[in-house]
Amino acid sequence: MTSEIVLIGRSNVGKSTLFRQLTGKKVKVGRRPGVTVGPARVRLGNVVYVDMPGYGYMKGIEKRLLEGTKDFIVQYLEEKAEEILLAIQVIDAASFLEIADRWVKRGEVPLEVELYEFLTDLDLAVVVAANKMDKVERPDDTLDEIGERLGMLPPWSQWKDKIAPISAKKGEIEPLKEIIRLKLQS
């Protein structure tokens, strides 16, 4: 059985850029959401890396198509749960808290929190790749707050096996690579 490492997250958080950094495989990336419409796969040894399409609101995309993408992602994760070695939930650390606050003010659970809970309910090993850290003014404070929103008590540094501060665009992904290395050795 082949193990999978799956990259999942909201549209335009840098999943495909990170996928490219991890695998060396060029995939289409773009400034607008919805560039990745189906999963991209790259096999490296005994592991298949999977870049999933983004979820959430995308300007100009029909609601029916958005719901279909969400349903596809949920079904994929449920059906492949036994094969998934690691689920990498990519978030935009620079905007995560602002977006989460908007959802909470509307009385709703933020999509990222809902996804994290869903992945853990599936009993998957999950790491949050806090991307775009180069745009964050107070990294430790921001990571503490992100961790808290996901149910992890601060300081975030005690969760280095679950939170990886990265900047995929700049190629600064070593904290995530270390988590992957350790997971592949176990």
N, C-alpha and C. Protein backbone atom coordinates (compact mmCIF):
# COMPACT_ATOMS: atom_id res chain seq x y z
N MET A 1 0.84 -1.18 0.00
CA MET A 1 0.00 0.00 0.00
C MET A 1 0.89 1.25 0.00
N THR A 2 0.54 2.20 -0.82
CA THR A 2 1.28 3.45 -0.92
C THR A 2 0.76 4.44 0.11
N SER A 3 1.67 5.11 0.79
CA SER A 3 1.29 6.15 1.73
C SER A 3 1.19 7.48 1.01
N GLU A 4 0.29 8.33 1.49
CA GLU A 4 0.11 9.64 0.89
C GLU A 4 0.39 10.74 1.90
N ILE A 5 0.95 11.82 1.42
CA ILE A 5 1.06 13.07 2.16
C ILE A 5 0.20 14.05 1.39
N VAL A 6 -0.86 14.53 2.04
CA VAL A 6 -1.87 15.33 1.37
C VAL A 6 -1.78 16.78 1.83
N LEU A 7 -1.72 17.71 0.88
CA LEU A 7 -1.75 19.14 1.17
C LEU A 7 -3.16 19.64 0.94
N ILE A 8 -3.71 20.26 1.96
CA ILE A 8 -5.09 20.71 1.89
C ILE A 8 -5.22 22.07 2.55
N GLY A 9 -6.14 22.88 2.06
CA GLY A 9 -6.38 24.18 2.66
C GLY A 9 -7.23 25.07 1.78
N ARG A 10 -7.53 26.22 2.32
CA ARG A 10 -8.30 27.24 1.61
C ARG A 10 -7.59 27.62 0.32
N SER A 11 -8.32 28.16 -0.62
CA SER A 11 -7.74 28.65 -1.87
C SER A 11 -6.75 29.77 -1.60
N ASN A 12 -5.69 29.81 -2.38
CA ASN A 12 -4.69 30.88 -2.36
C ASN A 12 -3.90 31.00 -1.05
N VAL A 13 -3.66 29.88 -0.39
CA VAL A 13 -2.82 29.91 0.81
C VAL A 13 -1.40 29.45 0.52
N GLY A 14 -1.15 28.98 -0.72
CA GLY A 14 0.18 28.57 -1.11
C GLY A 14 0.40 27.06 -1.15
N LYS A 15 -0.67 26.29 -1.28
CA LYS A 15 -0.55 24.82 -1.33
C LYS A 15 0.30 24.37 -2.51
N SER A 16 0.00 24.88 -3.67
CA SER A 16 0.73 24.44 -4.87
C SER A 16 2.18 24.90 -4.86
N THR A 17 2.43 26.08 -4.32
CA THR A 17 3.81 26.56 -4.19
C THR A 17 4.57 25.65 -3.23
N LEU A 18 3.94 25.30 -2.13
CA LEU A 18 4.56 24.38 -1.17
C LEU A 18 4.76 23.00 -1.80
N PHE A 19 3.78 22.53 -2.54
CA PHE A 19 3.87 21.25 -3.23
C PHE A 19 5.09 21.23 -4.15
N ARG A 20 5.28 22.32 -4.88
CA ARG A 20 6.43 22.45 -5.77
C ARG A 20 7.73 22.40 -4.97
N GLN A 21 7.77 23.07 -3.83
CA GLN A 21 8.98 23.08 -2.98
C GLN A 21 9.28 21.68 -2.42
N LEU A 22 8.24 20.96 -2.04
CA LEU A 22 8.43 19.63 -1.44
C LEU A 22 8.79 18.56 -2.46
N THR A 23 8.26 18.68 -3.67
CA THR A 23 8.41 17.60 -4.64
C THR A 23 9.34 17.93 -5.81
N GLY A 24 9.57 19.20 -6.06
CA GLY A 24 10.35 19.60 -7.23
C GLY A 24 9.53 19.58 -8.50
N LYS A 25 8.28 19.20 -8.40
CA LYS A 25 7.39 19.10 -9.55
C LYS A 25 6.72 20.45 -9.80
N LYS A 26 6.84 20.92 -11.03
CA LYS A 26 6.18 22.18 -11.39
C LYS A 26 4.69 21.92 -11.60
N VAL A 27 3.90 22.65 -10.85
CA VAL A 27 2.46 22.62 -11.02
C VAL A 27 2.00 24.05 -11.23
N LYS A 28 0.86 24.18 -11.84
CA LYS A 28 0.32 25.50 -12.14
C LYS A 28 -0.04 26.21 -10.84
N VAL A 29 0.45 27.41 -10.68
CA VAL A 29 0.09 28.25 -9.53
C VAL A 29 -0.39 29.58 -10.08
N GLY A 30 -1.17 30.29 -9.27
CA GLY A 30 -1.67 31.57 -9.74
C GLY A 30 -2.06 32.48 -8.61
N ARG A 31 -2.26 33.73 -8.95
CA ARG A 31 -2.66 34.72 -7.94
C ARG A 31 -4.14 34.63 -7.63
N ARG A 32 -4.90 34.11 -8.57
CA ARG A 32 -6.34 34.02 -8.33
C ARG A 32 -6.68 32.62 -7.81
N PRO A 33 -7.73 32.52 -7.00
CA PRO A 33 -8.13 31.21 -6.47
C PRO A 33 -8.66 30.31 -7.56
N GLY A 34 -8.58 29.02 -7.33
CA GLY A 34 -9.20 28.05 -8.21
C GLY A 34 -8.31 27.54 -9.32
N VAL A 35 -7.00 27.79 -9.26
CA VAL A 35 -6.10 27.31 -10.30
C VAL A 35 -5.98 25.78 -10.24
N THR A 36 -5.88 25.24 -9.03
CA THR A 36 -5.84 23.78 -8.86
C THR A 36 -7.27 23.29 -8.82
N VAL A 37 -7.68 22.55 -9.85
CA VAL A 37 -9.07 22.09 -9.92
C VAL A 37 -9.22 20.61 -9.59
N GLY A 38 -8.14 19.89 -9.62
CA GLY A 38 -8.17 18.48 -9.24
C GLY A 38 -6.87 18.16 -8.53
N PRO A 39 -6.79 17.02 -7.88
CA PRO A 39 -5.56 16.71 -7.16
C PRO A 39 -4.39 16.46 -8.11
N ALA A 40 -3.24 17.03 -7.77
CA ALA A 40 -1.99 16.74 -8.48
C ALA A 40 -1.23 15.74 -7.63
N ARG A 41 -0.57 14.78 -8.27
CA ARG A 41 0.14 13.73 -7.53
C ARG A 41 1.57 13.62 -8.03
N VAL A 42 2.48 13.42 -7.06
CA VAL A 42 3.87 13.13 -7.39
C VAL A 42 4.34 12.04 -6.45
N ARG A 43 4.94 11.01 -7.03
CA ARG A 43 5.48 9.92 -6.23
C ARG A 43 6.96 10.18 -5.98
N LEU A 44 7.35 10.13 -4.70
CA LEU A 44 8.75 10.22 -4.30
C LEU A 44 9.03 9.00 -3.42
N GLY A 45 9.71 8.02 -3.98
CA GLY A 45 9.95 6.78 -3.24
C GLY A 45 8.64 6.06 -3.00
N ASN A 46 8.38 5.74 -1.73
CA ASN A 46 7.15 5.02 -1.38
C ASN A 46 6.00 5.94 -0.99
N VAL A 47 6.18 7.23 -1.19
CA VAL A 47 5.18 8.20 -0.77
C VAL A 47 4.67 8.97 -1.98
N VAL A 48 3.37 9.18 -2.00
CA VAL A 48 2.75 10.01 -3.03
C VAL A 48 2.31 11.31 -2.36
N TYR A 49 2.81 12.43 -2.88
CA TYR A 49 2.38 13.74 -2.41
C TYR A 49 1.17 14.13 -3.25
N VAL A 50 0.14 14.65 -2.58
CA VAL A 50 -1.10 15.02 -3.25
C VAL A 50 -1.42 16.48 -2.93
N ASP A 51 -1.54 17.29 -3.97
CA ASP A 51 -1.93 18.69 -3.85
C ASP A 51 -3.41 18.77 -4.17
N MET A 52 -4.23 18.99 -3.14
CA MET A 52 -5.68 19.03 -3.32
C MET A 52 -6.12 20.42 -3.79
N PRO A 53 -7.27 20.49 -4.46
CA PRO A 53 -7.80 21.80 -4.82
C PRO A 53 -8.18 22.57 -3.55
N GLY A 54 -8.20 23.89 -3.65
CA GLY A 54 -8.58 24.72 -2.52
C GLY A 54 -10.08 24.70 -2.29
N TYR A 55 -10.46 25.09 -1.08
CA TYR A 55 -11.87 25.16 -0.72
C TYR A 55 -12.17 26.56 -0.22
N GLY A 56 -13.45 26.84 -0.05
CA GLY A 56 -13.87 28.14 0.47
C GLY A 56 -14.33 29.06 -0.64
N TYR A 57 -14.63 30.28 -0.27
CA TYR A 57 -15.15 31.27 -1.21
C TYR A 57 -14.12 31.59 -2.28
N MET A 58 -14.58 31.63 -3.53
CA MET A 58 -13.74 32.07 -4.64
C MET A 58 -14.59 32.98 -5.53
N LYS A 59 -14.18 34.22 -5.63
CA LYS A 59 -14.93 35.19 -6.42
C LYS A 59 -15.08 34.72 -7.86
N GLY A 60 -16.31 34.79 -8.34
CA GLY A 60 -16.57 34.44 -9.73
C GLY A 60 -16.80 32.95 -9.97
N ILE A 61 -16.74 32.14 -8.93
CA ILE A 61 -16.97 30.70 -9.08
C ILE A 61 -18.36 30.38 -8.52
N GLU A 62 -19.14 29.60 -9.30
CA GLU A 62 -20.49 29.25 -8.89
C GLU A 62 -20.49 28.48 -7.58
N LYS A 63 -21.49 28.75 -6.74
CA LYS A 63 -21.61 28.09 -5.45
C LYS A 63 -21.70 26.57 -5.63
N ARG A 64 -22.39 26.13 -6.66
CA ARG A 64 -22.54 24.70 -6.93
C ARG A 64 -21.18 24.04 -7.15
N LEU A 65 -20.30 24.72 -7.88
CA LEU A 65 -18.96 24.21 -8.13
C LEU A 65 -18.13 24.20 -6.84
N LEU A 66 -18.27 25.24 -6.03
CA LEU A 66 -17.56 25.30 -4.74
C LEU A 66 -17.98 24.16 -3.83
N GLU A 67 -19.29 23.91 -3.76
CA GLU A 67 -19.79 22.81 -2.92
C GLU A 67 -19.32 21.46 -3.45
N GLY A 68 -19.27 21.32 -4.78
CA GLY A 68 -18.78 20.08 -5.38
C GLY A 68 -17.32 19.82 -5.02
N THR A 69 -16.51 20.87 -5.01
CA THR A 69 -15.11 20.74 -4.64
C THR A 69 -14.98 20.32 -3.19
N LYS A 70 -15.76 20.97 -2.33
CA LYS A 70 -15.74 20.62 -0.90
C LYS A 70 -16.15 19.16 -0.69
N ASP A 71 -17.23 18.75 -1.36
CA ASP A 71 -17.69 17.35 -1.25
C ASP A 71 -16.62 16.38 -1.72
N PHE A 72 -15.95 16.73 -2.84
CA PHE A 72 -14.88 15.87 -3.36
C PHE A 72 -13.77 15.70 -2.33
N ILE A 73 -13.35 16.81 -1.72
CA ILE A 73 -12.26 16.78 -0.74
C ILE A 73 -12.65 15.91 0.46
N VAL A 74 -13.84 16.10 0.99
CA VAL A 74 -14.31 15.32 2.14
C VAL A 74 -14.35 13.84 1.79
N GLN A 75 -14.92 13.51 0.64
CA GLN A 75 -15.02 12.11 0.22
C GLN A 75 -13.63 11.51 0.03
N TYR A 76 -12.73 12.24 -0.59
CA TYR A 76 -11.36 11.76 -0.81
C TYR A 76 -10.69 11.43 0.52
N LEU A 77 -10.76 12.36 1.45
CA LEU A 77 -10.11 12.16 2.75
C LEU A 77 -10.72 10.99 3.51
N GLU A 78 -12.04 10.86 3.46
CA GLU A 78 -12.69 9.74 4.15
C GLU A 78 -12.30 8.40 3.53
N GLU A 79 -12.29 8.34 2.20
CA GLU A 79 -11.98 7.08 1.51
C GLU A 79 -10.50 6.71 1.62
N LYS A 80 -9.62 7.70 1.65
CA LYS A 80 -8.17 7.45 1.66
C LYS A 80 -7.55 7.52 3.05
N ALA A 81 -8.34 7.71 4.09
CA ALA A 81 -7.80 7.94 5.44
C ALA A 81 -6.76 6.90 5.84
N GLU A 82 -6.97 5.66 5.52
CA GLU A 82 -6.03 4.58 5.88
C GLU A 82 -4.68 4.74 5.19
N GLU A 83 -4.67 5.36 4.02
CA GLU A 83 -3.44 5.51 3.24
C GLU A 83 -2.71 6.82 3.52
N ILE A 84 -3.37 7.75 4.20
CA ILE A 84 -2.77 9.08 4.42
C ILE A 84 -1.82 9.02 5.61
N LEU A 85 -0.56 9.17 5.31
CA LEU A 85 0.49 9.18 6.33
C LEU A 85 0.49 10.51 7.08
N LEU A 86 0.23 11.60 6.35
CA LEU A 86 0.26 12.92 6.94
C LEU A 86 -0.65 13.86 6.14
N ALA A 87 -1.48 14.60 6.85
CA ALA A 87 -2.30 15.64 6.23
C ALA A 87 -1.65 16.97 6.59
N ILE A 88 -1.24 17.73 5.58
CA ILE A 88 -0.64 19.04 5.81
C ILE A 88 -1.71 20.08 5.50
N GLN A 89 -2.22 20.71 6.56
CA GLN A 89 -3.21 21.76 6.39
C GLN A 89 -2.47 23.08 6.25
N VAL A 90 -2.49 23.63 5.05
CA VAL A 90 -1.77 24.86 4.76
C VAL A 90 -2.71 26.03 5.06
N ILE A 91 -2.20 26.98 5.86
CA ILE A 91 -2.97 28.19 6.16
C ILE A 91 -2.13 29.41 5.81
N ASP A 92 -2.79 30.52 5.57
CA ASP A 92 -2.12 31.79 5.36
C ASP A 92 -2.00 32.44 6.74
N ALA A 93 -0.84 32.32 7.36
CA ALA A 93 -0.65 32.82 8.72
C ALA A 93 -0.86 34.33 8.81
N ALA A 94 -0.64 35.04 7.71
CA ALA A 94 -0.78 36.49 7.71
C ALA A 94 -2.23 36.94 7.78
N SER A 95 -3.17 36.11 7.32
CA SER A 95 -4.58 36.51 7.32
C SER A 95 -5.47 35.59 8.14
N PHE A 96 -4.93 34.51 8.66
CA PHE A 96 -5.73 33.49 9.37
C PHE A 96 -6.58 34.10 10.48
N LEU A 97 -5.98 34.89 11.36
CA LEU A 97 -6.70 35.41 12.52
C LEU A 97 -7.81 36.38 12.12
N GLU A 98 -7.53 37.23 11.14
CA GLU A 98 -8.54 38.18 10.66
C GLU A 98 -9.74 37.44 10.07
N ILE A 99 -9.46 36.45 9.25
CA ILE A 99 -10.54 35.68 8.63
C ILE A 99 -11.32 34.89 9.69
N ALA A 100 -10.61 34.27 10.61
CA ALA A 100 -11.27 33.50 11.67
C ALA A 100 -12.16 34.41 12.52
N ASP A 101 -11.69 35.61 12.83
CA ASP A 101 -12.49 36.56 13.62
C ASP A 101 -13.78 36.93 12.90
N ARG A 102 -13.72 37.12 11.59
CA ARG A 102 -14.93 37.45 10.82
C ARG A 102 -15.96 36.33 10.94
N TRP A 103 -15.49 35.08 10.84
CA TRP A 103 -16.41 33.94 10.96
C TRP A 103 -17.03 33.88 12.35
N VAL A 104 -16.20 34.06 13.38
CA VAL A 104 -16.67 33.99 14.76
C VAL A 104 -17.71 35.09 15.02
N LYS A 105 -17.47 36.30 14.49
CA LYS A 105 -18.42 37.40 14.68
C LYS A 105 -19.78 37.09 14.05
N ARG A 106 -19.79 36.25 13.03
CA ARG A 106 -21.06 35.84 12.40
C ARG A 106 -21.67 34.64 13.12
N GLY A 107 -20.99 34.18 14.19
CA GLY A 107 -21.50 33.03 14.94
C GLY A 107 -21.20 31.70 14.26
N GLU A 108 -20.20 31.68 13.40
CA GLU A 108 -19.85 30.46 12.66
C GLU A 108 -18.46 29.97 13.04
N VAL A 109 -18.24 28.69 12.83
CA VAL A 109 -16.92 28.10 13.05
C VAL A 109 -16.08 28.38 11.80
N PRO A 110 -14.89 28.96 11.96
CA PRO A 110 -14.04 29.22 10.78
C PRO A 110 -13.73 27.93 10.01
N LEU A 111 -13.70 28.04 8.69
CA LEU A 111 -13.44 26.87 7.85
C LEU A 111 -12.17 26.14 8.24
N GLU A 112 -11.11 26.88 8.55
CA GLU A 112 -9.83 26.25 8.89
C GLU A 112 -9.95 25.42 10.17
N VAL A 113 -10.69 25.94 11.14
CA VAL A 113 -10.90 25.22 12.40
C VAL A 113 -11.74 23.98 12.14
N GLU A 114 -12.78 24.14 11.35
CA GLU A 114 -13.65 23.01 10.99
C GLU A 114 -12.85 21.92 10.27
N LEU A 115 -11.99 22.31 9.35
CA LEU A 115 -11.17 21.33 8.63
C LEU A 115 -10.21 20.63 9.57
N TYR A 116 -9.55 21.39 10.45
CA TYR A 116 -8.60 20.79 11.39
C TYR A 116 -9.32 19.75 12.27
N GLU A 117 -10.49 20.10 12.77
CA GLU A 117 -11.26 19.16 13.59
C GLU A 117 -11.68 17.93 12.79
N PHE A 118 -12.07 18.14 11.54
CA PHE A 118 -12.46 17.02 10.67
C PHE A 118 -11.27 16.07 10.46
N LEU A 119 -10.11 16.64 10.17
CA LEU A 119 -8.92 15.81 9.94
C LEU A 119 -8.55 15.02 11.20
N THR A 120 -8.63 15.65 12.36
CA THR A 120 -8.31 14.93 13.60
C THR A 120 -9.39 13.91 13.93
N ASP A 121 -10.65 14.21 13.60
CA ASP A 121 -11.72 13.22 13.81
C ASP A 121 -11.53 11.99 12.94
N LEU A 122 -10.89 12.17 11.78
CA LEU A 122 -10.58 11.03 10.90
C LEU A 122 -9.37 10.25 11.43
N ASP A 123 -8.80 10.73 12.53
CA ASP A 123 -7.63 10.12 13.17
C ASP A 123 -6.39 10.18 12.27
N LEU A 124 -6.29 11.28 11.53
CA LEU A 124 -5.12 11.49 10.68
C LEU A 124 -4.04 12.24 11.46
N ALA A 125 -2.80 11.98 11.12
CA ALA A 125 -1.71 12.81 11.62
C ALA A 125 -1.80 14.12 10.85
N VAL A 126 -1.91 15.24 11.58
CA VAL A 126 -2.11 16.55 10.94
C VAL A 126 -1.02 17.50 11.38
N VAL A 127 -0.47 18.22 10.42
CA VAL A 127 0.44 19.33 10.72
C VAL A 127 -0.11 20.57 10.03
N VAL A 128 -0.08 21.68 10.75
CA VAL A 128 -0.52 22.95 10.19
C VAL A 128 0.72 23.66 9.66
N ALA A 129 0.76 23.86 8.35
CA ALA A 129 1.84 24.61 7.73
C ALA A 129 1.41 26.07 7.70
N ALA A 130 1.94 26.85 8.66
CA ALA A 130 1.60 28.26 8.77
C ALA A 130 2.44 29.02 7.74
N ASN A 131 1.87 29.16 6.56
CA ASN A 131 2.59 29.74 5.43
C ASN A 131 2.54 31.27 5.47
N LYS A 132 3.41 31.88 4.69
CA LYS A 132 3.53 33.33 4.53
C LYS A 132 3.98 34.01 5.82
N MET A 133 4.81 33.29 6.60
CA MET A 133 5.32 33.83 7.86
C MET A 133 6.19 35.07 7.63
N ASP A 134 6.72 35.21 6.41
CA ASP A 134 7.53 36.39 6.10
C ASP A 134 6.69 37.67 6.11
N LYS A 135 5.36 37.53 6.10
CA LYS A 135 4.46 38.69 6.12
C LYS A 135 3.86 38.95 7.50
N VAL A 136 4.29 38.18 8.49
CA VAL A 136 3.73 38.29 9.84
C VAL A 136 4.64 39.16 10.70
N GLU A 137 4.05 40.17 11.35
CA GLU A 137 4.85 41.10 12.16
C GLU A 137 5.30 40.50 13.49
N ARG A 138 4.44 39.79 14.20
CA ARG A 138 4.77 39.21 15.50
C ARG A 138 4.61 37.69 15.42
N PRO A 139 5.61 37.00 14.88
CA PRO A 139 5.48 35.57 14.61
C PRO A 139 5.05 34.72 15.82
N ASP A 140 5.72 34.86 16.96
CA ASP A 140 5.37 34.00 18.10
C ASP A 140 3.95 34.27 18.59
N ASP A 141 3.57 35.54 18.69
CA ASP A 141 2.21 35.87 19.13
C ASP A 141 1.17 35.32 18.16
N THR A 142 1.44 35.48 16.87
CA THR A 142 0.51 35.00 15.85
C THR A 142 0.38 33.48 15.91
N LEU A 143 1.52 32.79 16.02
CA LEU A 143 1.48 31.32 16.09
C LEU A 143 0.79 30.84 17.36
N ASP A 144 0.99 31.56 18.48
CA ASP A 144 0.27 31.22 19.72
C ASP A 144 -1.23 31.30 19.50
N GLU A 145 -1.69 32.39 18.86
CA GLU A 145 -3.13 32.58 18.63
C GLU A 145 -3.69 31.56 17.64
N ILE A 146 -2.92 31.24 16.61
CA ILE A 146 -3.37 30.22 15.65
C ILE A 146 -3.52 28.89 16.39
N GLY A 147 -2.52 28.52 17.16
CA GLY A 147 -2.59 27.28 17.92
C GLY A 147 -3.80 27.25 18.84
N GLU A 148 -4.06 28.37 19.54
CA GLU A 148 -5.22 28.43 20.43
C GLU A 148 -6.52 28.20 19.69
N ARG A 149 -6.65 28.82 18.51
CA ARG A 149 -7.89 28.65 17.73
C ARG A 149 -8.11 27.20 17.33
N LEU A 150 -6.98 26.46 17.21
CA LEU A 150 -7.07 25.05 16.82
C LEU A 150 -7.08 24.11 18.03
N GLY A 151 -7.16 24.69 19.24
CA GLY A 151 -7.27 23.88 20.45
C GLY A 151 -5.96 23.52 21.11
N MET A 152 -4.88 24.20 20.74
CA MET A 152 -3.56 23.93 21.34
C MET A 152 -3.19 25.07 22.27
N LEU A 153 -2.84 24.74 23.50
CA LEU A 153 -2.46 25.77 24.46
C LEU A 153 -1.10 26.36 24.12
N PRO A 154 -0.95 27.68 24.32
CA PRO A 154 0.35 28.30 24.06
C PRO A 154 1.36 27.87 25.13
N PRO A 155 2.62 28.01 24.86
CA PRO A 155 3.19 28.61 23.65
C PRO A 155 3.19 27.61 22.49
N TRP A 156 3.13 28.15 21.29
CA TRP A 156 3.08 27.31 20.09
C TRP A 156 4.31 26.42 19.99
N SER A 157 5.43 26.88 20.56
CA SER A 157 6.69 26.15 20.41
C SER A 157 6.65 24.75 21.01
N GLN A 158 5.68 24.47 21.87
CA GLN A 158 5.54 23.11 22.37
C GLN A 158 4.83 22.19 21.37
N TRP A 159 4.38 22.77 20.29
CA TRP A 159 3.66 22.02 19.26
C TRP A 159 4.44 21.98 17.95
N LYS A 160 5.75 21.97 18.00
CA LYS A 160 6.55 22.00 16.77
C LYS A 160 6.37 20.76 15.90
N ASP A 161 5.72 19.73 16.44
CA ASP A 161 5.38 18.55 15.64
C ASP A 161 4.02 18.73 14.96
N LYS A 162 3.30 19.82 15.30
CA LYS A 162 1.97 20.06 14.74
C LYS A 162 1.83 21.40 14.04
N ILE A 163 2.74 22.34 14.31
CA ILE A 163 2.70 23.65 13.67
C ILE A 163 4.08 23.92 13.07
N ALA A 164 4.10 24.17 11.77
CA ALA A 164 5.36 24.45 11.07
C ALA A 164 5.29 25.83 10.44
N PRO A 165 6.02 26.81 11.01
CA PRO A 165 6.05 28.14 10.39
C PRO A 165 6.93 28.11 9.14
N ILE A 166 6.35 28.50 8.00
CA ILE A 166 7.07 28.41 6.72
C ILE A 166 6.80 29.63 5.86
N SER A 167 7.59 29.75 4.82
CA SER A 167 7.34 30.70 3.73
C SER A 167 7.66 29.95 2.44
N ALA A 168 6.65 29.31 1.87
CA ALA A 168 6.85 28.46 0.70
C ALA A 168 7.42 29.24 -0.48
N LYS A 169 6.92 30.44 -0.70
CA LYS A 169 7.38 31.24 -1.84
C LYS A 169 8.87 31.54 -1.76
N LYS A 170 9.39 31.69 -0.54
CA LYS A 170 10.80 31.97 -0.34
C LYS A 170 11.62 30.69 -0.15
N GLY A 171 10.97 29.55 -0.18
CA GLY A 171 11.68 28.28 -0.02
C GLY A 171 12.06 27.97 1.43
N GLU A 172 11.48 28.69 2.37
CA GLU A 172 11.78 28.50 3.79
C GLU A 172 10.78 27.52 4.39
N ILE A 173 11.05 26.22 4.19
CA ILE A 173 10.10 25.19 4.62
C ILE A 173 10.74 24.12 5.51
N GLU A 174 11.93 24.40 6.03
CA GLU A 174 12.65 23.39 6.81
C GLU A 174 11.86 22.85 8.00
N PRO A 175 11.12 23.67 8.78
CA PRO A 175 10.36 23.10 9.89
C PRO A 175 9.37 22.02 9.43
N LEU A 176 8.76 22.22 8.29
CA LEU A 176 7.83 21.22 7.75
C LEU A 176 8.58 20.00 7.25
N LYS A 177 9.68 20.21 6.56
CA LYS A 177 10.48 19.08 6.08
C LYS A 177 10.93 18.19 7.23
N GLU A 178 11.28 18.80 8.36
CA GLU A 178 11.71 18.02 9.53
C GLU A 178 10.57 17.16 10.06
N ILE A 179 9.36 17.71 10.11
CA ILE A 179 8.20 16.94 10.55
C ILE A 179 7.96 15.77 9.59
N ILE A 180 8.07 16.02 8.30
CA ILE A 180 7.88 14.96 7.30
C ILE A 180 8.94 13.88 7.47
N ARG A 181 10.21 14.29 7.64
CA ARG A 181 11.30 13.32 7.84
C ARG A 181 11.01 12.42 9.03
N LEU A 182 10.62 13.01 10.13
CA LEU A 182 10.32 12.22 11.33
C LEU A 182 9.14 11.28 11.11
N LYS A 183 8.13 11.75 10.39
CA LYS A 183 6.95 10.92 10.11
C LYS A 183 7.33 9.74 9.21
N LEU A 184 8.21 9.98 8.25
CA LEU A 184 8.63 8.90 7.33
C LEU A 184 9.48 7.86 8.05
N GLN A 185 10.17 8.28 9.11
CA GLN A 185 11.01 7.34 9.88
C GLN A 185 10.21 6.49 10.85
N SER A 186 9.03 6.95 11.23
CA SER A 186 8.25 6.21 12.24
C SER A 186 7.49 5.05 11.67
